[in-house]
Amino acid sequence: MEWKIKKFSELTLDELYEICKVRYEVFACEQKIFQENDFDDIDKKVFHLFLQDKEKIVAYARLIPSEITYTQSSIGRVLVLKEYRRKGIAFDLMKRSVEFLREKLNEDQIVVSAQLYVKELYESVGFKVVSDIYDEVDIPHVKMELI
């Protein structure tokens, strides 16, 4: 398995297709999120971190520099395919995301809108809850920050 970080313009067509496929599989098919368009034009402005197992993308996160979605940098669309969960991949994904934003983009503040059921994942890499629970696409979320 191999980790990659690429700008949108650097993605191959096959990588882009696999990213779209895995995001649809997790967010639409598995979590039933249909209230929000996954294709929001933010993808063109950010970095894409993903883990490939042969041709299949099994973990993914969108790394967003500051001033695009929030004043701080952020991490979004975090996912690990169901059959690859409980193997430490999500923790590795988050550590790599934070390292890239801090070391390569010099971002010192990172925010996430975390689904409540995985807040412990974000806490494990240093994020702290900074909001009450709120509803986003019919799923309980909390805003979390890493400072």
Protein backbone atom coordinates (compact mmCIF):
# COMPACT_ATOMS: atom_id res chain seq x y z
CA MET A 1 0.00 0.00 0.00
CA GLU A 2 1.21 3.49 -0.83
CA TRP A 3 0.33 6.95 0.53
CA LYS A 4 0.10 9.86 -1.93
CA ILE A 5 -0.59 13.59 -1.62
CA LYS A 6 -1.49 15.47 -4.78
CA LYS A 7 -3.00 18.72 -5.97
CA PHE A 8 -6.14 18.31 -8.06
CA SER A 9 -4.23 19.07 -11.28
CA GLU A 10 -1.71 16.30 -10.46
CA LEU A 11 -4.29 13.53 -10.06
CA THR A 12 -4.49 11.01 -12.86
CA LEU A 13 -7.92 10.29 -14.31
CA ASP A 14 -7.84 6.86 -12.66
CA GLU A 15 -6.99 8.39 -9.25
CA LEU A 16 -9.77 10.98 -9.59
CA TYR A 17 -12.23 8.26 -10.58
CA GLU A 18 -11.22 6.11 -7.58
CA ILE A 19 -11.50 9.10 -5.20
CA CYS A 20 -15.00 9.86 -6.48
CA LYS A 21 -15.96 6.20 -6.23
CA VAL A 22 -14.75 5.76 -2.65
CA ARG A 23 -16.33 9.02 -1.48
CA TYR A 24 -19.64 7.97 -3.02
CA GLU A 25 -19.37 4.50 -1.49
CA VAL A 26 -18.78 5.81 2.05
CA PHE A 27 -20.80 9.03 2.15
CA ALA A 28 -23.76 8.19 -0.12
CA CYS A 29 -24.12 4.40 -0.06
CA GLU A 30 -22.99 3.75 3.52
CA GLN A 31 -23.93 6.96 5.38
CA LYS A 32 -26.88 7.98 3.17
CA ILE A 33 -25.69 11.58 2.76
CA PHE A 34 -27.64 13.08 -0.13
CA GLN A 35 -28.42 16.60 1.15
CA GLU A 36 -25.07 18.01 0.07
CA ASN A 37 -23.32 17.87 -3.30
CA ASP A 38 -19.97 16.13 -2.88
CA PHE A 39 -18.73 18.04 -5.94
CA ASP A 40 -18.45 21.54 -4.49
CA ASP A 41 -15.48 22.95 -6.48
CA ILE A 42 -13.31 22.91 -3.35
CA ASP A 43 -11.51 19.82 -4.69
CA LYS A 44 -9.84 21.98 -7.36
CA LYS A 45 -8.19 24.22 -4.71
CA VAL A 46 -6.91 21.68 -2.18
CA PHE A 47 -4.63 18.70 -1.65
CA HIS A 48 -5.79 15.10 -1.74
CA LEU A 49 -4.20 12.56 0.59
CA PHE A 50 -4.97 8.94 -0.11
CA LEU A 51 -3.80 5.39 0.50
CA GLN A 52 -3.80 3.02 -2.45
CA ASP A 53 -3.91 -0.75 -2.23
CA LYS A 54 -2.95 -1.69 -5.77
CA GLU A 55 -5.38 0.42 -7.87
CA LYS A 56 -7.99 0.76 -5.12
CA ILE A 57 -8.11 3.85 -2.88
CA VAL A 58 -8.84 2.64 0.65
CA ALA A 59 -8.40 5.83 2.72
CA TYR A 60 -8.77 9.48 1.81
CA ALA A 61 -8.79 13.02 3.21
CA ARG A 62 -9.13 16.44 1.66
CA LEU A 63 -6.49 18.88 3.00
CA ILE A 64 -7.77 22.43 2.80
CA PRO A 65 -5.50 25.47 3.21
CA SER A 66 -6.79 28.40 5.28
CA GLU A 67 -9.28 30.89 3.82
CA ILE A 68 -11.00 28.34 1.56
CA THR A 69 -13.70 26.87 3.80
CA TYR A 70 -12.69 28.40 7.17
CA THR A 71 -10.23 31.08 8.23
CA GLN A 72 -8.10 28.17 9.53
CA SER A 73 -6.92 25.24 7.47
CA SER A 74 -9.11 22.15 7.64
CA ILE A 75 -9.36 18.46 6.91
CA GLY A 76 -12.48 17.06 5.30
CA ARG A 77 -14.04 14.08 3.54
CA VAL A 78 -12.09 11.80 5.88
CA LEU A 79 -12.78 8.14 5.15
CA VAL A 80 -11.49 4.60 5.33
CA LEU A 81 -13.25 1.84 3.40
CA LYS A 82 -15.20 -0.48 5.67
CA GLU A 83 -13.03 -3.55 5.06
CA TYR A 84 -9.87 -1.56 5.97
CA ARG A 85 -11.15 -0.12 9.25
CA ARG A 86 -9.84 -1.05 12.71
CA LYS A 87 -6.28 -1.39 11.40
CA GLY A 88 -4.86 2.00 12.45
CA ILE A 89 -5.23 3.49 8.98
CA ALA A 90 -7.53 6.34 10.10
CA PHE A 91 -5.04 7.40 12.79
CA ASP A 92 -2.20 7.30 10.23
CA LEU A 93 -4.36 9.29 7.78
CA MET A 94 -4.99 12.00 10.37
CA LYS A 95 -1.33 12.17 11.49
CA ARG A 96 -0.21 12.54 7.87
CA SER A 97 -2.90 15.19 7.24
CA VAL A 98 -1.79 17.28 10.22
CA GLU A 99 1.90 16.89 9.35
CA PHE A 100 1.33 18.02 5.76
CA LEU A 101 -0.73 21.06 6.74
CA ARG A 102 1.77 22.10 9.41
CA GLU A 103 5.08 21.24 7.75
CA LYS A 104 4.41 21.79 4.04
CA LEU A 105 1.80 24.58 4.17
CA ASN A 106 2.90 26.20 7.46
CA GLU A 107 -0.66 26.10 8.83
CA ASP A 108 -0.72 26.40 12.62
CA GLN A 109 -4.48 26.11 13.20
CA ILE A 110 -6.56 23.24 11.83
CA VAL A 111 -10.31 22.77 12.19
CA VAL A 112 -12.59 19.83 11.43
CA SER A 113 -16.33 19.33 11.44
CA ALA A 114 -16.25 15.87 13.00
CA GLN A 115 -19.00 13.30 12.99
CA LEU A 116 -19.65 12.75 16.68
CA TYR A 117 -19.12 8.99 16.56
CA VAL A 118 -15.48 9.42 15.45
CA LYS A 119 -14.48 12.36 17.64
CA GLU A 120 -12.09 10.07 19.56
CA LEU A 121 -10.10 9.61 16.35
CA TYR A 122 -9.53 13.35 16.12
CA GLU A 123 -8.80 13.60 19.84
CA SER A 124 -6.13 10.92 19.42
CA VAL A 125 -4.11 13.32 17.23
CA GLY A 126 -4.68 16.34 19.48
CA PHE A 127 -7.96 17.94 18.36
CA LYS A 128 -10.23 19.47 21.02
CA VAL A 129 -14.01 19.93 20.82
CA VAL A 130 -14.88 23.64 20.57
CA SER A 131 -18.65 23.54 19.94
CA ASP A 132 -21.86 22.00 21.10
CA ILE A 133 -23.23 19.10 19.08
CA TYR A 134 -24.91 20.27 15.86
CA ASP A 135 -26.68 18.60 12.99
CA GLU A 136 -25.01 18.48 9.60
CA VAL A 137 -26.63 16.37 6.87
CA ASP A 138 -28.74 14.63 9.55
CA ILE A 139 -25.62 13.40 11.40
CA PRO A 140 -24.49 14.77 14.81
CA HIS A 141 -21.22 16.71 14.48
CA VAL A 142 -18.88 18.77 16.65
CA LYS A 143 -16.41 21.42 15.57
CA MET A 144 -12.89 20.52 16.68
CA GLU A 145 -9.65 22.50 16.54
CA LEU A 146 -5.97 21.69 16.70
CA ILE A 147 -3.92 24.68 17.79
